[in-house]
N, C-alpha and C. Protein backbone atom coordinates (compact mmCIF):
# COMPACT_ATOMS: atom_id res chain seq x y z
N UNK A 1 15.64 -13.31 12.97
CA UNK A 1 15.34 -13.78 11.45
C UNK A 1 16.35 -15.48 11.39
N UNK A 2 16.75 -16.47 11.54
CA UNK A 2 17.55 -17.02 11.57
C UNK A 2 16.85 -17.71 12.08
N UNK A 3 16.98 -17.49 13.49
CA UNK A 3 15.69 -17.75 14.36
C UNK A 3 14.77 -18.81 14.06
N UNK A 4 14.17 -17.56 13.79
CA UNK A 4 12.71 -17.76 13.41
C UNK A 4 12.71 -18.94 12.22
N UNK A 5 14.00 -18.63 11.50
CA UNK A 5 13.83 -20.05 9.74
C UNK A 5 13.58 -21.09 10.28
N UNK A 6 14.60 -21.23 11.71
CA UNK A 6 15.07 -21.78 11.94
C UNK A 6 13.49 -22.66 13.12
N UNK A 7 13.25 -22.01 13.11
CA UNK A 7 11.98 -22.81 14.31
C UNK A 7 11.08 -23.54 12.79
N UNK A 8 10.78 -22.48 12.12
CA UNK A 8 9.90 -23.29 10.68
C UNK A 8 10.41 -23.92 10.06
N UNK A 9 11.83 -24.40 10.07
CA UNK A 9 12.06 -26.02 9.62
C UNK A 9 11.46 -27.11 9.93
N UNK A 10 11.23 -26.76 10.87
CA UNK A 10 10.43 -28.42 11.74
C UNK A 10 9.12 -28.58 10.91
N UNK A 11 8.38 -27.95 10.04
CA UNK A 11 7.37 -27.84 9.54
C UNK A 11 7.80 -27.40 7.74
N UNK A 12 8.91 -27.48 7.76
CA UNK A 12 8.87 -26.87 6.30
C UNK A 12 10.70 -27.27 5.78
N UNK A 13 11.06 -28.54 5.55
CA UNK A 13 12.01 -29.12 5.04
C UNK A 13 12.88 -28.48 4.07
N UNK A 14 11.88 -27.91 3.11
CA UNK A 14 12.42 -27.69 1.78
C UNK A 14 13.23 -26.04 2.32
N UNK A 15 13.56 -25.75 3.33
CA UNK A 15 14.32 -24.94 3.15
C UNK A 15 15.08 -24.49 4.41
N UNK A 16 15.61 -26.48 5.24
CA UNK A 16 16.36 -26.44 6.04
C UNK A 16 18.12 -25.99 5.09
N UNK A 17 18.19 -26.84 4.23
CA UNK A 17 19.64 -26.58 3.38
C UNK A 17 19.84 -24.24 3.41
N UNK A 18 18.88 -23.80 2.73
CA UNK A 18 19.61 -22.33 2.52
C UNK A 18 19.26 -22.14 3.65
N UNK A 19 18.56 -22.33 5.75
CA UNK A 19 18.83 -21.72 6.17
C UNK A 19 19.77 -21.98 7.46
N UNK A 20 20.37 -23.67 6.88
CA UNK A 20 22.00 -24.03 7.54
C UNK A 20 22.73 -23.20 6.72
N UNK A 21 22.76 -22.79 5.57
CA UNK A 21 24.15 -22.27 5.14
C UNK A 21 23.77 -20.80 6.12
N UNK A 22 22.70 -20.18 5.43
CA UNK A 22 22.63 -18.38 6.35
C UNK A 22 23.51 -18.53 7.67
N UNK A 23 22.63 -19.48 8.70
CA UNK A 23 22.96 -19.55 9.60
C UNK A 23 24.50 -19.72 10.12
N UNK A 24 25.67 -20.13 9.10
CA UNK A 24 26.63 -20.52 9.31
C UNK A 24 27.21 -18.55 9.86
N UNK A 25 26.58 -17.39 9.17
CA UNK A 25 27.06 -16.71 8.66
C UNK A 25 26.76 -15.23 10.26
N UNK A 26 26.18 -15.97 10.75
CA UNK A 26 25.28 -15.09 12.03
C UNK A 26 25.61 -14.73 13.12
N UNK A 27 27.33 -14.73 12.97
CA UNK A 27 28.48 -13.94 13.61
C UNK A 27 28.77 -12.92 12.64
N UNK A 28 29.28 -13.00 12.26
CA UNK A 28 29.50 -11.47 11.24
C UNK A 28 28.44 -11.57 9.70
N UNK A 29 27.70 -11.39 10.22
CA UNK A 29 27.11 -11.37 8.74
C UNK A 29 26.99 -10.29 7.75
N UNK A 30 27.10 -10.17 6.61
CA UNK A 30 27.31 -9.12 5.59
C UNK A 30 25.55 -8.81 5.04
N UNK A 31 25.60 -7.35 3.81
CA UNK A 31 24.88 -7.34 3.26
C UNK A 31 24.04 -8.88 2.32
N UNK A 32 25.36 -9.07 1.68
CA UNK A 32 24.69 -10.96 1.36
C UNK A 32 23.50 -11.99 1.72
N UNK A 33 24.30 -11.97 3.18
CA UNK A 33 23.77 -12.61 3.77
C UNK A 33 22.27 -12.17 4.19
N UNK A 34 22.07 -11.06 4.56
CA UNK A 34 20.51 -10.51 4.49
C UNK A 34 19.69 -11.09 2.62
N UNK A 35 20.42 -10.17 1.70
CA UNK A 35 19.86 -10.83 1.14
C UNK A 35 19.40 -12.70 0.82
N UNK A 36 20.12 -13.78 0.53
CA UNK A 36 19.61 -14.16 0.57
C UNK A 36 18.66 -15.42 1.88
N UNK A 37 18.82 -13.94 3.48
CA UNK A 37 17.28 -14.43 4.23
C UNK A 37 16.27 -14.02 3.35
N UNK A 38 16.41 -13.09 3.14
CA UNK A 38 15.12 -12.23 2.31
C UNK A 38 14.35 -13.18 1.00
N UNK A 39 15.44 -14.34 0.74
CA UNK A 39 14.91 -14.42 -0.28
C UNK A 39 14.57 -15.90 -0.17
N UNK A 40 14.89 -16.54 1.44
CA UNK A 40 14.14 -17.16 1.55
C UNK A 40 12.91 -17.45 2.35
N UNK A 41 12.57 -15.72 2.60
CA UNK A 41 11.14 -15.32 3.29
C UNK A 41 10.86 -14.72 1.94
N UNK A 42 11.10 -14.70 0.92
CA UNK A 42 10.06 -14.73 -0.10
C UNK A 42 9.78 -16.26 -0.55
N UNK A 43 10.76 -16.64 -0.46
CA UNK A 43 10.50 -18.49 -1.79
C UNK A 43 8.88 -18.92 -0.03
N UNK A 44 9.07 -18.32 0.84
CA UNK A 44 7.87 -18.59 1.70
C UNK A 44 6.47 -17.52 1.18
N UNK A 45 7.14 -16.55 1.44
CA UNK A 45 5.59 -16.18 0.98
C UNK A 45 4.95 -16.51 -0.58
N UNK A 46 5.79 -17.16 -1.72
CA UNK A 46 5.12 -17.44 -2.33
C UNK A 46 5.31 -19.05 -3.01
N UNK A 47 4.99 -20.04 -1.54
CA UNK A 47 4.59 -21.37 -1.36
C UNK A 47 4.00 -21.45 -0.40
N UNK A 48 2.66 -20.85 -0.28
CA UNK A 48 2.44 -21.29 1.15
C UNK A 48 1.45 -22.47 1.49
N UNK A 49 1.46 -23.45 0.64
CA UNK A 49 0.96 -24.22 0.98
C UNK A 49 2.09 -25.72 0.59
N UNK A 50 2.95 -25.57 0.61
CA UNK A 50 4.32 -25.93 0.16
C UNK A 50 4.41 -26.50 2.23
N UNK A 51 4.49 -28.01 2.31
CA UNK A 51 4.98 -28.58 3.32
C UNK A 51 5.20 -29.76 3.79
N UNK A 52 4.46 -30.64 4.95
CA UNK A 52 4.62 -31.82 4.81
C UNK A 52 3.20 -31.93 4.66
N UNK A 53 3.31 -33.76 4.47
CA UNK A 53 1.82 -34.22 4.14
C UNK A 53 1.95 -35.26 4.74
N UNK A 54 0.51 -35.97 5.30
CA UNK A 54 0.62 -37.06 6.24
C UNK A 54 -0.82 -38.01 5.74
N UNK A 55 -0.76 -38.63 4.14
CA UNK A 55 -1.80 -38.88 3.81
C UNK A 55 -2.07 -40.10 4.87
N UNK A 56 -3.18 -40.68 4.78
CA UNK A 56 -3.80 -41.81 5.48
C UNK A 56 -3.37 -43.31 4.50
N UNK A 57 -3.11 -43.71 4.77
CA UNK A 57 -2.82 -44.81 3.94
C UNK A 57 -1.93 -46.34 5.28
N UNK A 58 -1.68 -47.43 4.77
CA UNK A 58 -1.24 -48.23 5.41
C UNK A 58 0.31 -48.94 4.66
N UNK A 59 0.47 -47.74 4.17
CA UNK A 59 2.14 -48.28 3.71
C UNK A 59 2.80 -47.39 4.90
N UNK A 60 3.82 -48.64 5.06
CA UNK A 60 4.64 -48.39 6.57
C UNK A 60 6.15 -49.01 6.18
N UNK A 61 6.29 -49.05 4.96
CA UNK A 61 7.41 -49.31 4.52
C UNK A 61 8.80 -48.70 5.19
N UNK A 62 9.52 -48.36 5.89
CA UNK A 62 10.29 -47.53 6.56
C UNK A 62 11.93 -47.26 5.35
N UNK A 63 12.14 -46.46 4.71
CA UNK A 63 13.74 -46.29 4.17
C UNK A 63 14.20 -44.80 4.01
N UNK A 64 15.27 -44.74 3.31
CA UNK A 64 16.12 -43.40 4.18
C UNK A 64 17.38 -43.17 3.32
N UNK A 65 17.33 -42.07 3.27
CA UNK A 65 17.91 -41.52 2.43
C UNK A 65 19.08 -40.63 3.07
N UNK A 66 20.35 -40.54 1.76
CA UNK A 66 21.31 -39.70 2.89
C UNK A 66 22.35 -38.84 1.43
N UNK A 67 22.89 -37.54 1.77
CA UNK A 67 23.78 -37.13 0.62
C UNK A 67 24.41 -36.37 1.07
N UNK A 68 25.08 -36.24 0.64
CA UNK A 68 26.78 -35.29 0.92
C UNK A 68 27.15 -34.92 -0.28
N UNK A 69 27.46 -32.97 -0.46
CA UNK A 69 28.22 -32.47 -0.62
C UNK A 69 29.46 -33.24 -0.53
N UNK A 70 31.08 -32.53 -1.12
CA UNK A 70 31.97 -32.55 -1.43
C UNK A 70 32.77 -31.24 -0.84
N UNK A 71 33.48 -31.08 0.13
CA UNK A 71 34.03 -29.74 0.82
C UNK A 71 32.92 -28.58 0.00
N UNK A 72 31.72 -28.31 0.20
CA UNK A 72 31.48 -27.52 -0.29
C UNK A 72 31.14 -26.10 1.03
N UNK A 73 31.53 -25.78 1.35
CA UNK A 73 31.72 -24.72 2.07
C UNK A 73 33.27 -24.44 1.83
N UNK A 74 33.45 -23.00 1.48
CA UNK A 74 34.52 -21.86 0.80
C UNK A 74 35.50 -22.11 1.97
N UNK A 75 34.79 -21.77 3.00
CA UNK A 75 35.98 -21.19 4.25
C UNK A 75 36.88 -22.13 4.56
N UNK A 76 35.75 -23.36 4.71
CA UNK A 76 36.64 -24.79 5.70
C UNK A 76 36.34 -25.47 5.04
N UNK A 77 36.46 -26.05 4.09
CA UNK A 77 36.52 -27.26 3.29
C UNK A 77 35.44 -27.85 3.98
N UNK A 78 34.72 -27.88 4.70
CA UNK A 78 34.02 -29.05 5.49
C UNK A 78 33.09 -28.91 4.14
N UNK A 79 32.40 -30.28 4.40
CA UNK A 79 31.00 -31.05 3.80
C UNK A 79 29.99 -31.03 4.74
N UNK A 80 29.08 -30.85 3.71
CA UNK A 80 27.75 -30.48 3.91
C UNK A 80 27.02 -32.03 4.29
N UNK A 81 26.02 -32.58 5.16
CA UNK A 81 25.67 -33.75 5.75
C UNK A 81 24.18 -33.06 4.98
N UNK A 82 23.52 -34.76 4.80
CA UNK A 82 21.95 -34.22 4.61
C UNK A 82 21.41 -35.53 4.80
N UNK A 83 20.46 -35.61 4.57
CA UNK A 83 19.44 -37.04 5.18
C UNK A 83 17.85 -37.13 5.54
N UNK A 84 17.44 -37.66 5.16
CA UNK A 84 16.02 -37.43 5.11
C UNK A 84 15.30 -39.15 5.82
N UNK A 85 14.25 -39.11 6.28
CA UNK A 85 14.09 -40.90 6.48
C UNK A 85 12.30 -40.97 6.15
N UNK A 86 11.98 -41.83 5.42
CA UNK A 86 10.37 -41.73 5.07
C UNK A 86 9.90 -43.23 5.57
N UNK A 87 8.41 -43.21 6.35
CA UNK A 87 7.70 -44.64 6.81
C UNK A 87 6.76 -43.58 6.28
N UNK A 88 7.05 -44.99 4.68
CA UNK A 88 5.89 -44.98 3.33
C UNK A 88 6.29 -43.71 2.64
N UNK A 89 5.34 -42.77 2.79
CA UNK A 89 5.47 -41.29 1.49
C UNK A 89 5.66 -40.91 2.44
N UNK A 90 5.64 -40.62 3.69
CA UNK A 90 5.46 -39.52 5.03
C UNK A 90 6.29 -39.16 5.42
N UNK A 91 7.23 -38.25 5.47
CA UNK A 91 8.74 -37.76 5.89
C UNK A 91 8.80 -37.58 7.53
N UNK A 92 9.11 -38.20 8.31
CA UNK A 92 9.28 -38.20 9.54
C UNK A 92 10.44 -37.64 10.00
N UNK A 93 11.44 -37.74 9.06
CA UNK A 93 12.72 -36.93 10.18
C UNK A 93 13.91 -36.87 8.93
N UNK A 94 14.21 -35.77 9.15
CA UNK A 94 15.58 -35.14 8.28
C UNK A 94 16.68 -33.98 9.32
N UNK A 95 18.10 -34.25 8.34
CA UNK A 95 18.69 -33.18 9.16
C UNK A 95 19.42 -32.27 7.47
N UNK A 96 19.86 -31.56 8.26
CA UNK A 96 20.99 -31.21 7.12
C UNK A 96 22.15 -29.94 8.10
N UNK A 97 23.03 -30.38 8.25
CA UNK A 97 24.28 -29.43 8.62
C UNK A 97 25.92 -30.28 8.08
N UNK A 98 26.90 -28.79 8.63
CA UNK A 98 28.44 -28.92 7.78
C UNK A 98 28.52 -30.16 9.32
N UNK A 99 29.72 -31.06 8.32
CA UNK A 99 29.95 -32.18 8.85
C UNK A 99 31.18 -31.25 9.96
N UNK A 100 31.64 -32.54 10.82
CA UNK A 100 33.14 -31.11 11.89
C UNK A 100 34.16 -31.94 11.69
N UNK A 101 34.88 -32.63 10.55
CA UNK A 101 35.77 -32.35 9.66
C UNK A 101 36.08 -32.33 8.51
N UNK A 102 37.45 -32.61 8.37
CA UNK A 102 36.80 -32.49 6.61
C UNK A 102 37.37 -33.45 5.93
N UNK A 103 36.71 -33.81 5.03
CA UNK A 103 37.09 -35.43 4.50
C UNK A 103 37.72 -34.66 3.13
N UNK A 104 38.68 -35.82 2.90
CA UNK A 104 39.64 -36.17 2.05
C UNK A 104 39.06 -36.73 0.75
N UNK A 105 38.13 -37.22 0.43
CA UNK A 105 37.22 -37.76 -0.70
C UNK A 105 35.92 -37.34 -0.54
N UNK A 106 34.96 -37.65 -1.77
CA UNK A 106 33.50 -37.39 -1.86
C UNK A 106 33.08 -39.56 -1.44
N UNK A 107 33.81 -40.29 -1.37
CA UNK A 107 33.55 -41.20 -0.55
C UNK A 107 33.45 -40.98 0.65
N UNK A 108 34.80 -40.31 1.65
CA UNK A 108 34.88 -40.48 2.83
C UNK A 108 33.35 -39.41 3.32
N UNK A 109 33.47 -38.62 2.40
CA UNK A 109 32.33 -37.25 2.99
C UNK A 109 30.62 -38.47 2.48
N UNK A 110 30.05 -39.02 1.77
CA UNK A 110 28.92 -39.79 2.18
C UNK A 110 29.54 -40.36 2.64
N UNK A 111 30.15 -41.37 2.86
CA UNK A 111 30.45 -42.41 4.08
C UNK A 111 29.80 -42.02 5.10
N UNK A 112 30.60 -40.60 5.46
CA UNK A 112 30.44 -39.91 7.03
C UNK A 112 28.89 -39.98 7.47
N UNK A 113 27.72 -39.37 6.09
CA UNK A 113 26.60 -38.67 6.09
C UNK A 113 25.91 -39.89 5.97
N UNK A 114 26.37 -41.80 5.58
CA UNK A 114 25.34 -42.62 5.95
C UNK A 114 25.45 -42.87 7.34
N UNK A 115 26.75 -43.15 7.80
CA UNK A 115 26.87 -43.22 9.22
C UNK A 115 26.28 -42.36 9.82
N UNK A 116 25.94 -41.23 9.50
CA UNK A 116 24.78 -40.30 10.79
C UNK A 116 23.54 -40.46 9.97
N UNK A 117 22.76 -40.77 8.76
CA UNK A 117 21.92 -41.22 8.59
C UNK A 117 21.86 -42.90 9.13
N UNK A 118 22.22 -43.93 9.29
CA UNK A 118 22.56 -44.90 10.47
C UNK A 118 21.61 -44.94 11.69
N UNK A 119 22.41 -43.78 12.19
CA UNK A 119 22.50 -43.87 13.49
C UNK A 119 20.90 -43.15 13.65
N UNK A 120 20.84 -42.11 12.87
CA UNK A 120 19.33 -41.97 13.17
C UNK A 120 18.04 -43.20 12.87
N UNK A 121 18.22 -43.91 11.84
CA UNK A 121 17.21 -45.20 11.16
C UNK A 121 17.16 -46.17 12.64
N UNK A 122 18.37 -46.17 13.43
CA UNK A 122 18.29 -46.85 14.21
C UNK A 122 17.69 -46.54 15.04
N UNK A 123 17.38 -45.09 15.87
CA UNK A 123 17.00 -44.46 16.85
C UNK A 123 15.21 -44.43 16.46
N UNK A 124 15.07 -44.01 15.38
CA UNK A 124 13.56 -44.36 14.93
C UNK A 124 12.96 -45.95 15.00
N UNK A 125 14.05 -46.90 14.38
CA UNK A 125 13.49 -47.96 14.25
C UNK A 125 13.43 -48.49 15.70
N UNK A 126 14.11 -47.72 17.04
CA UNK A 126 13.70 -47.84 18.21
C UNK A 126 12.23 -47.55 18.91
N UNK A 127 12.34 -46.03 18.27
CA UNK A 127 10.42 -45.45 18.14
C UNK A 127 9.62 -46.63 18.52
N UNK A 128 8.88 -47.15 16.78
CA UNK A 128 8.78 -47.58 16.16
C UNK A 128 8.53 -48.99 16.98
N UNK A 129 9.65 -49.99 17.96
CA UNK A 129 9.19 -50.84 18.66
C UNK A 129 8.40 -50.15 19.70
N UNK A 130 8.21 -49.78 19.95
CA UNK A 130 7.63 -49.18 21.05
C UNK A 130 6.42 -48.80 20.55
N UNK A 131 5.96 -48.67 19.46
CA UNK A 131 4.36 -48.37 18.83
C UNK A 131 4.01 -50.04 18.30
N UNK A 132 5.08 -50.88 18.40
CA UNK A 132 4.82 -52.46 17.77
C UNK A 132 4.92 -51.83 16.78
N UNK A 133 5.35 -51.52 15.71
CA UNK A 133 5.84 -51.89 14.54
C UNK A 133 7.65 -52.44 14.53
N UNK A 134 7.38 -53.32 13.91
CA UNK A 134 9.18 -53.53 13.35
C UNK A 134 9.98 -54.01 12.39
N UNK A 135 10.79 -52.92 12.20
CA UNK A 135 11.80 -52.94 10.89
C UNK A 135 12.87 -53.53 10.85
N UNK A 136 13.26 -54.56 10.76
CA UNK A 136 14.37 -55.38 11.08
C UNK A 136 15.21 -55.19 10.18
N UNK A 137 14.75 -55.02 8.38
CA UNK A 137 15.96 -53.68 7.71
C UNK A 137 15.33 -52.83 6.91
N UNK A 138 16.59 -51.76 7.23
CA UNK A 138 15.65 -50.23 6.57
C UNK A 138 16.67 -49.98 5.33
N UNK A 139 16.03 -49.69 4.05
CA UNK A 139 17.41 -49.35 3.10
C UNK A 139 17.74 -48.15 3.03
N UNK A 140 19.21 -47.53 3.49
CA UNK A 140 19.67 -46.48 3.67
C UNK A 140 20.22 -46.37 2.14
N UNK A 141 19.72 -45.56 1.08
CA UNK A 141 20.19 -45.12 -0.43
C UNK A 141 20.76 -43.71 -0.66
N UNK A 142 22.78 -44.46 -0.38
CA UNK A 142 23.75 -44.00 -1.16
C UNK A 142 23.35 -43.40 -1.98
N UNK A 143 24.31 -42.17 -2.83
CA UNK A 143 24.88 -42.14 -4.32
C UNK A 143 25.78 -42.28 -4.63
N UNK A 144 26.72 -43.02 -3.61
CA UNK A 144 28.33 -43.53 -3.89
C UNK A 144 29.06 -44.67 -3.98
N UNK A 145 29.35 -45.08 -4.74
CA UNK A 145 29.16 -46.64 -5.25
C UNK A 145 30.24 -46.92 -4.08
N UNK A 146 31.65 -46.06 -4.03
CA UNK A 146 32.71 -46.42 -3.25
C UNK A 146 32.20 -46.52 -1.39
N UNK A 147 31.37 -45.25 -1.60
CA UNK A 147 30.95 -45.67 0.05
C UNK A 147 29.79 -47.01 0.32
N UNK A 148 29.27 -46.96 -0.79
CA UNK A 148 28.21 -48.68 -0.60
C UNK A 148 29.32 -49.91 -0.55
N UNK A 149 30.58 -49.35 -1.31
CA UNK A 149 31.12 -50.79 -1.13
C UNK A 149 32.05 -50.97 0.26
N UNK A 150 32.37 -49.59 0.93
CA UNK A 150 33.24 -49.69 2.49
C UNK A 150 31.57 -50.31 3.50
N UNK A 151 30.73 -49.60 3.99
CA UNK A 151 29.28 -50.15 3.89
C UNK A 151 29.43 -51.64 3.47
N UNK A 152 29.75 -51.83 3.01
CA UNK A 152 29.01 -53.91 2.97
C UNK A 152 30.22 -54.76 3.25
N UNK A 153 31.51 -53.97 2.94
CA UNK A 153 32.74 -54.66 3.95
C UNK A 153 33.66 -53.78 4.66
N UNK A 154 33.73 -53.33 6.02
CA UNK A 154 34.66 -52.27 6.45
C UNK A 154 35.69 -52.77 6.49
N UNK A 155 36.23 -53.36 6.60
CA UNK A 155 37.66 -54.20 7.05
C UNK A 155 38.26 -53.77 5.57
């Protein structure tokens, strides 16, 4: 069931976070995890018109957003990373995964996700250059002032 939900996240980014949380417990699932999966399925049934929408317009500004929780996983205290990249109003890339290390502060958790988002932005910029679109500066929106300060002066 989780494999099908993961496949579905390619066109339904609204279930990425919930699916990634459920996928963490597939080695030893409990009844509560099955209830959570069924909740996702009920949500999908109730929102059949929700999904990606790519309107035809000429706005090709490129921007990215990143966010993280701090020690969101109760079992190992790792944070969850999330990011989204937009070309105009079109969502072109998104990600949600558990960080590989334990952050010691919200600043560190946000800095890690900003770096991950930046690598995704660089990859997309390279792909867009192949199509003749050049984005020299792409804003990455981060909601933590300390992480923003570190990115501006990493020394």
